[in-house]
Amino acid sequence: MLQRTFKAFQYRDYRILWFGACTSSVGTWMQKVAQSWLVLDISQSPFLLGLDAFLGEIPIFLFSLFGGVLADRMDRRRVLVASQLVQMGCAFLLAALIGFGVVQVWHILTLSFIVGSAQAFGGPAYQALVPTLVKPQDLPNAIALNSIQFNLARVIGPALGGIAFTKLGYVWCFSLNGMSYVAVIISLVLLRARFIPPPPGGSILHSMKEGVDFIRHKTAMAALIVLAFLMTALGVPLLTFLPVFAKEVFQQGPNVFTTMLSISGAGAVAGALFVAYMGNVPNKGRLALLLLAALGIGMSAFALSRSLVAAYILLFLTGGALIGVFSMISSLVQLITGDEMRGRVMSVYNVAFRGGMPFGNLATGWAVPLFTAPLVMAVNGCLLLVLALYFLLFQRKVAEL
């Protein structure tokens, strides 16, 4: 069972990249926890909390297509190293601003945009690099294990972040995140795999058009892209606005917020382990849609719950459903894309997958002060359920994959 669940770890390069990325992700989540609470603490504004998340994600929407072209034209490791260096610099700069007592909300918002811009170029390169490290039949397992490292970090990071910024202060949270980027840079240097890009077949815009045309004409690919955008726009704000639930709905402090994040992350790890164990299972599309329906129901139930214990249970279940959907959809996109197009296709997928987050967060940040967080999240959950039923019953291209 363990050998089947962790099959992609038999590949040396994949193991090295996985552990480096996991270390960096722990640091990132430490900063996310501290930064969310810092924005809310300074501004007392749910809108600015949503705006911070929006500015961190909107560069993915704006620049990922260019990042995808670079991933198909350059050594993907170099693109990733440059991305990590920019993010490291931003973490240390924010720590310095806080350390000197001059930090303002606009500083945080600006640095969030710069970090998001670096991720817009690093994301397609990373997603295109992973499939080159394993055999095609082991790709679903590798993607699921990659989800595990991200969500394992979502369990460990908030716990460590909560301790760091309540016991040591914000400066330590952001400094430790800056240091964590060293691990992923070292792992990239140690990789043996090399991507030798083919000679460019035209301009950057021509390469982007080739990627878009591939998506338009490939069976169900456009539907997967639309689904990725909508499920993140409606589902991810649940995580972004957990500080509001902790502070205003349950009348608790940062410890409950970090516990909520950790429990959601634990559920995501469990969901990713389940997906990894199943491996290259048939009917991925239908299973993804059933998990999406479960996510919608779980979100609405969490939003309407007033019991902290029930909220924790529902967060665990929705965390599992959320990562299950993400893993399944990502596997389907990767499996029907060739390596020569992978950077561009994954950049479009990134635009949809990550692009849904800023718009969902911004819309939710606008709606929460008007209608309350529980009502907005309950509506988001219902819309996810409707979305799943539509693709299951009417637009069946995804369900048939």
Protein backbone atom coordinates (compact mmCIF):
# COMPACT_ATOMS: atom_id res chain seq x y z
CA MET A 1 0.00 0.00 0.00
CA LEU A 2 2.76 2.47 0.95
CA GLN A 3 4.74 1.63 -2.21
CA ARG A 4 1.68 2.30 -4.33
CA THR A 5 0.81 5.54 -2.51
CA PHE A 6 4.34 6.99 -2.72
CA LYS A 7 5.33 5.48 -6.07
CA ALA A 8 6.70 8.73 -7.56
CA PHE A 9 9.31 8.87 -4.78
CA GLN A 10 11.26 6.14 -6.58
CA TYR A 11 12.50 8.88 -8.93
CA ARG A 12 15.53 10.69 -7.46
CA ASP A 13 14.92 14.09 -9.05
CA TYR A 14 11.26 14.07 -8.04
CA ARG A 15 12.19 13.31 -4.40
CA ILE A 16 14.72 16.13 -4.30
CA LEU A 17 12.31 18.66 -5.81
CA TRP A 18 9.47 17.50 -3.53
CA PHE A 19 11.41 18.00 -0.29
CA GLY A 20 12.79 21.36 -1.41
CA ALA A 21 9.36 22.62 -2.43
CA CYS A 22 7.80 21.34 0.80
CA THR A 23 10.31 23.27 2.93
CA SER A 24 9.63 26.44 0.97
CA SER A 25 5.87 25.92 1.22
CA VAL A 26 6.09 25.65 5.01
CA GLY A 27 7.76 29.06 5.08
CA THR A 28 5.18 30.49 2.70
CA TRP A 29 2.30 29.36 4.92
CA MET A 30 4.02 30.77 8.00
CA GLN A 31 4.04 34.13 6.25
CA LYS A 32 0.45 33.77 4.97
CA VAL A 33 -0.85 33.30 8.51
CA ALA A 34 1.07 36.26 9.90
CA GLN A 35 0.36 38.48 6.90
CA SER A 36 -3.41 37.85 6.94
CA TRP A 37 -3.61 38.67 10.63
CA LEU A 38 -1.30 41.68 10.21
CA VAL A 39 -3.47 43.20 7.45
CA LEU A 40 -6.65 42.69 9.47
CA ASP A 41 -4.97 43.97 12.64
CA ILE A 42 -3.63 47.16 11.00
CA SER A 43 -6.66 48.00 8.87
CA GLN A 44 -9.61 46.31 10.64
CA SER A 45 -10.96 45.86 7.10
CA PRO A 46 -12.16 42.58 5.53
CA PHE A 47 -12.04 44.40 2.18
CA LEU A 48 -8.29 45.07 2.50
CA LEU A 49 -7.81 41.44 3.52
CA GLY A 50 -9.50 40.44 0.28
CA LEU A 51 -7.54 43.09 -1.65
CA ASP A 52 -4.25 41.70 -0.34
CA ALA A 53 -5.21 38.24 -1.56
CA PHE A 54 -6.37 39.77 -4.87
CA LEU A 55 -3.06 41.55 -5.45
CA GLY A 56 -1.14 38.39 -4.62
CA GLU A 57 -3.05 36.40 -7.23
CA ILE A 58 -3.94 38.83 -10.04
CA PRO A 59 -0.39 38.74 -11.53
CA ILE A 60 -1.02 35.04 -12.23
CA PHE A 61 -3.94 36.12 -14.37
CA LEU A 62 -1.95 38.88 -16.07
CA PHE A 63 1.46 37.31 -16.67
CA SER A 64 1.13 33.50 -16.64
CA LEU A 65 0.79 33.27 -20.41
CA PHE A 66 4.20 34.93 -20.81
CA GLY A 67 5.54 32.63 -18.09
CA GLY A 68 4.29 29.62 -20.02
CA VAL A 69 6.06 30.70 -23.19
CA LEU A 70 9.31 31.15 -21.22
CA ALA A 71 8.86 27.67 -19.72
CA ASP A 72 8.77 26.21 -23.25
CA ARG A 73 11.71 28.32 -24.49
CA MET A 74 14.19 28.31 -21.57
CA ASP A 75 15.68 25.95 -19.00
CA ARG A 76 12.78 25.64 -16.59
CA ARG A 77 15.12 25.38 -13.62
CA ARG A 78 16.58 28.82 -14.31
CA VAL A 79 13.14 30.38 -14.52
CA LEU A 80 12.26 28.79 -11.18
CA VAL A 81 15.47 29.92 -9.46
CA ALA A 82 14.86 33.53 -10.57
CA SER A 83 11.29 33.33 -9.25
CA GLN A 84 12.46 32.01 -5.87
CA LEU A 85 15.08 34.77 -5.51
CA VAL A 86 12.48 37.51 -6.05
CA GLN A 87 10.12 35.98 -3.49
CA MET A 88 12.97 35.59 -1.00
CA GLY A 89 13.87 39.27 -1.36
CA CYS A 90 10.26 40.33 -0.74
CA ALA A 91 10.04 38.26 2.45
CA PHE A 92 13.23 39.78 3.87
CA LEU A 93 12.14 43.29 2.87
CA LEU A 94 8.80 42.94 4.67
CA ALA A 95 10.61 41.62 7.75
CA ALA A 96 12.89 44.68 7.65
CA LEU A 97 9.96 47.10 7.31
CA ILE A 98 8.31 45.58 10.36
CA GLY A 99 11.58 45.43 12.27
CA PHE A 100 12.15 49.17 11.77
CA GLY A 101 8.53 49.92 12.70
CA VAL A 102 7.63 51.62 9.41
CA VAL A 103 5.36 49.03 7.79
CA GLN A 104 2.09 50.24 6.30
CA VAL A 105 -0.71 48.39 4.55
CA TRP A 106 0.37 49.67 1.13
CA HIS A 107 3.81 48.12 1.67
CA ILE A 108 2.19 44.72 2.22
CA LEU A 109 -0.12 45.11 -0.79
CA THR A 110 2.76 46.12 -3.08
CA LEU A 111 4.98 43.22 -1.99
CA SER A 112 2.06 40.81 -2.45
CA PHE A 113 1.79 41.97 -6.08
CA ILE A 114 5.54 41.50 -6.66
CA VAL A 115 5.49 38.00 -5.13
CA GLY A 116 2.48 37.11 -7.27
CA SER A 117 4.33 38.34 -10.38
CA ALA A 118 7.29 36.08 -9.57
CA GLN A 119 4.90 33.15 -9.10
CA ALA A 120 3.29 33.91 -12.47
CA PHE A 121 6.59 32.99 -14.14
CA GLY A 122 7.65 30.25 -11.72
CA GLY A 123 4.31 28.42 -11.62
CA PRO A 124 4.14 27.25 -15.27
CA ALA A 125 7.82 26.29 -15.17
CA TYR A 126 7.30 24.18 -12.03
CA GLN A 127 4.16 22.49 -13.35
CA ALA A 128 5.86 21.76 -16.68
CA LEU A 129 8.99 20.44 -14.92
CA VAL A 130 7.27 17.85 -12.69
CA PRO A 131 6.01 15.57 -15.53
CA THR A 132 9.56 15.35 -16.95
CA LEU A 133 10.79 13.77 -13.70
CA VAL A 134 8.49 10.69 -13.74
CA LYS A 135 7.07 8.24 -16.28
CA PRO A 136 3.64 9.12 -17.76
CA GLN A 137 1.85 6.31 -15.91
CA ASP A 138 3.11 7.69 -12.61
CA LEU A 139 2.12 11.29 -13.32
CA PRO A 140 -1.24 11.23 -11.43
CA ASN A 141 0.60 9.86 -8.40
CA ALA A 142 3.30 12.56 -8.71
CA ILE A 143 0.68 15.33 -8.95
CA ALA A 144 -1.17 13.98 -5.91
CA LEU A 145 2.07 13.74 -3.91
CA ASN A 146 2.85 17.30 -4.96
CA SER A 147 -0.51 18.30 -3.51
CA ILE A 148 0.47 16.50 -0.31
CA GLN A 149 3.66 18.53 0.09
CA PHE A 150 1.74 21.76 -0.40
CA ASN A 151 -0.98 20.79 2.05
CA LEU A 152 1.38 19.18 4.54
CA ALA A 153 3.00 22.60 4.58
CA ARG A 154 -0.49 24.06 5.13
CA VAL A 155 -0.71 21.97 8.30
CA ILE A 156 2.81 22.62 9.58
CA GLY A 157 3.18 26.22 8.35
CA PRO A 158 0.18 27.75 10.18
CA ALA A 159 1.08 25.89 13.37
CA LEU A 160 4.68 27.15 13.24
CA GLY A 161 3.50 30.56 12.03
CA GLY A 162 1.06 30.88 14.90
CA ILE A 163 3.83 30.08 17.38
CA ALA A 164 6.35 32.35 15.65
CA PHE A 165 4.23 35.48 15.40
CA THR A 166 2.54 35.14 18.80
CA LYS A 167 5.76 34.23 20.67
CA LEU A 168 8.52 35.78 18.55
CA GLY A 169 6.76 38.40 16.41
CA TYR A 170 6.03 39.05 12.76
CA VAL A 171 9.68 39.65 11.87
CA TRP A 172 10.59 36.04 12.61
CA CYS A 173 7.72 34.71 10.49
CA PHE A 174 8.78 36.65 7.41
CA SER A 175 12.51 36.06 7.97
CA LEU A 176 12.03 32.31 8.31
CA ASN A 177 10.01 32.31 5.10
CA GLY A 178 12.85 34.12 3.35
CA MET A 179 15.32 31.49 4.53
CA SER A 180 13.04 28.64 3.40
CA TYR A 181 13.54 29.57 -0.27
CA VAL A 182 17.14 28.39 0.01
CA ALA A 183 15.90 24.77 0.17
CA VAL A 184 14.05 24.85 -3.13
CA ILE A 185 16.91 26.69 -4.86
CA ILE A 186 19.36 23.99 -3.73
CA SER A 187 16.98 21.24 -4.91
CA LEU A 188 16.73 22.85 -8.35
CA VAL A 189 20.52 23.02 -8.66
CA LEU A 190 20.81 19.31 -7.76
CA LEU A 191 18.38 18.09 -10.45
CA ARG A 192 19.88 15.93 -13.19
CA ALA A 193 16.94 16.31 -15.55
CA ARG A 194 17.36 18.96 -18.21
CA PHE A 195 14.76 20.50 -20.48
CA ILE A 196 16.34 21.47 -23.80
CA PRO A 197 13.85 23.80 -25.47
CA PRO A 198 13.32 23.44 -29.21
CA PRO A 199 14.18 26.39 -31.45
CA PRO A 200 11.44 29.04 -31.15
CA GLY A 201 8.86 28.64 -33.88
CA GLY A 202 7.99 32.32 -33.98
CA SER A 203 7.33 35.30 -31.76
CA ILE A 204 6.19 35.09 -28.15
CA LEU A 205 2.67 36.07 -29.22
CA HIS A 206 2.69 33.32 -31.86
CA SER A 207 3.73 30.78 -29.22
CA MET A 208 0.93 31.98 -26.93
CA LYS A 209 -1.57 31.61 -29.78
CA GLU A 210 -0.39 28.02 -30.38
CA GLY A 211 -1.12 27.18 -26.74
CA VAL A 212 -4.57 28.76 -26.85
CA ASP A 213 -5.41 26.98 -30.14
CA PHE A 214 -4.32 23.65 -28.65
CA ILE A 215 -6.72 24.16 -25.75
CA ARG A 216 -9.60 25.21 -27.99
CA HIS A 217 -9.35 22.11 -30.18
CA LYS A 218 -8.46 19.48 -27.56
CA THR A 219 -11.38 17.42 -26.26
CA ALA A 220 -12.79 18.79 -22.98
CA MET A 221 -9.73 21.00 -22.35
CA ALA A 222 -11.70 24.23 -22.55
CA ALA A 223 -14.29 22.82 -20.13
CA LEU A 224 -11.50 21.87 -17.68
CA ILE A 225 -10.11 25.42 -17.86
CA VAL A 226 -13.52 26.97 -17.18
CA LEU A 227 -14.10 24.53 -14.33
CA ALA A 228 -10.70 25.39 -12.81
CA PHE A 229 -11.52 29.10 -12.82
CA LEU A 230 -14.97 28.77 -11.28
CA MET A 231 -14.06 26.24 -8.60
CA THR A 232 -11.20 28.41 -7.32
CA ALA A 233 -13.19 31.65 -7.55
CA LEU A 234 -15.92 30.13 -5.39
CA GLY A 235 -13.96 27.70 -3.20
CA VAL A 236 -10.68 29.40 -2.24
CA PRO A 237 -12.27 32.42 -0.48
CA LEU A 238 -13.24 29.98 2.28
CA LEU A 239 -9.55 29.84 3.25
CA THR A 240 -8.90 33.55 2.67
CA PHE A 241 -11.69 34.64 5.01
CA LEU A 242 -11.06 32.20 7.85
CA PRO A 243 -9.67 35.12 9.92
CA VAL A 244 -13.11 36.75 9.68
CA PHE A 245 -14.84 33.55 10.85
CA ALA A 246 -12.36 33.13 13.71
CA LYS A 247 -12.56 36.75 14.85
CA GLU A 248 -16.14 37.82 14.14
CA VAL A 249 -18.25 34.67 13.92
CA PHE A 250 -16.63 32.56 16.66
CA GLN A 251 -15.22 35.53 18.64
CA GLN A 252 -11.77 33.93 18.93
CA GLY A 253 -8.15 35.00 18.35
CA PRO A 254 -5.28 34.00 16.06
CA ASN A 255 -4.86 30.58 17.70
CA VAL A 256 -8.28 29.46 16.44
CA PHE A 257 -7.50 30.88 13.01
CA THR A 258 -4.26 28.91 12.74
CA THR A 259 -6.04 25.80 14.06
CA MET A 260 -8.66 26.19 11.32
CA LEU A 261 -5.97 26.45 8.65
CA SER A 262 -4.11 23.45 10.03
CA ILE A 263 -7.25 21.29 10.19
CA SER A 264 -8.18 22.25 6.63
CA GLY A 265 -4.64 21.39 5.59
CA ALA A 266 -4.82 18.03 7.39
CA GLY A 267 -7.99 17.23 5.47
CA ALA A 268 -6.24 18.20 2.25
CA VAL A 269 -3.34 15.87 3.04
CA ALA A 270 -5.79 13.03 3.67
CA GLY A 271 -7.56 13.79 0.38
CA ALA A 272 -4.27 13.92 -1.53
CA LEU A 273 -3.14 10.60 0.01
CA PHE A 274 -6.39 9.05 -1.18
CA VAL A 275 -5.84 10.38 -4.72
CA ALA A 276 -2.19 9.22 -4.68
CA TYR A 277 -3.23 5.73 -3.59
CA MET A 278 -5.78 5.46 -6.42
CA GLY A 279 -3.13 6.45 -8.97
CA ASN A 280 -4.15 6.40 -12.63
CA VAL A 281 -7.76 5.53 -11.86
CA PRO A 282 -10.40 5.61 -14.65
CA ASN A 283 -13.32 8.07 -14.62
CA LYS A 284 -11.25 10.89 -13.11
CA GLY A 285 -13.64 13.50 -14.50
CA ARG A 286 -16.73 12.06 -12.86
CA LEU A 287 -14.93 11.56 -9.55
CA ALA A 288 -13.68 15.16 -9.63
CA LEU A 289 -17.21 16.46 -10.15
CA LEU A 290 -18.60 14.34 -7.31
CA LEU A 291 -15.90 15.74 -5.02
CA LEU A 292 -16.78 19.25 -6.21
CA ALA A 293 -20.41 18.65 -5.21
CA ALA A 294 -19.24 17.43 -1.80
CA LEU A 295 -17.09 20.54 -1.44
CA GLY A 296 -20.06 22.81 -2.12
CA ILE A 297 -22.23 21.04 0.46
CA GLY A 298 -19.43 21.09 3.04
CA MET A 299 -18.75 24.82 2.51
CA SER A 300 -22.38 25.76 3.01
CA ALA A 301 -22.60 23.61 6.14
CA PHE A 302 -19.42 25.23 7.56
CA ALA A 303 -20.71 28.72 6.83
CA LEU A 304 -23.96 28.08 8.69
CA SER A 305 -22.39 26.22 11.63
CA ARG A 306 -22.08 27.96 15.00
CA SER A 307 -20.32 25.08 16.76
CA LEU A 308 -16.53 25.33 16.70
CA VAL A 309 -16.18 21.52 16.83
CA ALA A 310 -18.56 21.08 13.90
CA ALA A 311 -16.67 23.81 12.02
CA TYR A 312 -13.39 21.94 12.54
CA ILE A 313 -14.89 18.67 11.24
CA LEU A 314 -16.38 20.39 8.18
CA LEU A 315 -13.09 22.17 7.45
CA PHE A 316 -11.30 18.80 7.48
CA LEU A 317 -13.83 17.31 5.04
CA THR A 318 -13.87 20.32 2.71
CA GLY A 319 -10.05 20.39 2.74
CA GLY A 320 -10.03 16.80 1.49
CA ALA A 321 -12.66 17.47 -1.17
CA LEU A 322 -10.91 20.65 -2.33
CA ILE A 323 -7.53 19.02 -2.91
CA GLY A 324 -9.18 15.97 -4.48
CA VAL A 325 -10.82 18.17 -7.12
CA PHE A 326 -7.63 20.14 -7.73
CA SER A 327 -5.51 16.98 -8.12
CA MET A 328 -7.95 15.26 -10.46
CA ILE A 329 -8.41 18.28 -12.74
CA SER A 330 -4.67 18.99 -12.85
CA SER A 331 -3.93 15.33 -13.70
CA LEU A 332 -6.42 15.39 -16.57
CA VAL A 333 -4.88 18.56 -18.02
CA GLN A 334 -1.33 17.19 -17.74
CA LEU A 335 -2.16 13.77 -19.18
CA ILE A 336 -3.70 15.12 -22.39
CA THR A 337 -0.85 17.60 -23.03
CA GLY A 338 2.49 16.84 -24.72
CA ASP A 339 5.77 18.12 -23.25
CA GLU A 340 6.41 20.53 -26.13
CA MET A 341 3.16 22.38 -25.28
CA ARG A 342 3.10 21.78 -21.55
CA GLY A 343 4.48 25.15 -20.42
CA ARG A 344 1.96 27.10 -22.49
CA VAL A 345 -1.01 24.87 -21.65
CA MET A 346 -0.18 24.93 -17.94
CA SER A 347 0.16 28.71 -18.09
CA VAL A 348 -3.40 28.97 -19.42
CA TYR A 349 -4.49 26.51 -16.74
CA ASN A 350 -2.67 28.69 -14.19
CA VAL A 351 -4.50 31.76 -15.46
CA ALA A 352 -7.78 29.95 -14.84
CA PHE A 353 -6.84 28.07 -11.67
CA ARG A 354 -4.98 30.92 -9.98
CA GLY A 355 -6.88 33.68 -11.78
CA GLY A 356 -10.14 32.61 -10.18
CA MET A 357 -8.68 33.28 -6.74
CA PRO A 358 -8.18 37.07 -6.94
CA PHE A 359 -11.57 37.69 -8.51
CA GLY A 360 -13.26 35.39 -6.02
CA ASN A 361 -11.41 36.98 -3.09
CA LEU A 362 -12.12 40.53 -4.26
CA ALA A 363 -15.81 39.82 -4.85
CA THR A 364 -16.08 38.08 -1.49
CA GLY A 365 -14.24 40.95 0.24
CA TRP A 366 -16.81 43.34 -1.24
CA ALA A 367 -19.79 41.16 -0.33
CA VAL A 368 -18.84 40.14 3.23
CA PRO A 369 -19.30 43.60 4.83
CA LEU A 370 -22.69 43.90 3.10
CA PHE A 371 -24.12 40.42 3.66
CA THR A 372 -21.89 38.80 6.38
CA ALA A 373 -19.27 36.10 5.87
CA PRO A 374 -21.56 33.13 6.70
CA LEU A 375 -24.17 34.12 4.10
CA VAL A 376 -21.61 34.78 1.34
CA MET A 377 -19.79 31.47 1.95
CA ALA A 378 -23.07 29.55 2.06
CA VAL A 379 -24.02 31.01 -1.34
CA ASN A 380 -20.57 30.14 -2.73
CA GLY A 381 -21.06 26.55 -1.58
CA CYS A 382 -24.47 26.33 -3.27
CA LEU A 383 -23.00 27.69 -6.51
CA LEU A 384 -20.26 25.02 -6.41
CA LEU A 385 -22.93 22.34 -6.04
CA VAL A 386 -24.84 23.75 -9.02
CA LEU A 387 -21.61 23.88 -11.06
CA ALA A 388 -20.87 20.22 -10.32
CA LEU A 389 -24.41 19.14 -11.23
CA TYR A 390 -24.25 21.09 -14.50
CA PHE A 391 -21.08 19.29 -15.63
CA LEU A 392 -22.37 15.94 -14.41
CA LEU A 393 -25.79 16.13 -16.05
CA PHE A 394 -25.57 18.49 -19.01
CA GLN A 395 -22.02 19.39 -20.16
CA ARG A 396 -20.69 15.82 -19.87
CA LYS A 397 -17.31 16.13 -21.62
CA VAL A 398 -15.50 16.34 -18.27
CA ALA A 399 -17.57 13.57 -16.68
CA GLU A 400 -16.62 11.22 -19.52
CA LEU A 401 -12.84 11.66 -19.08
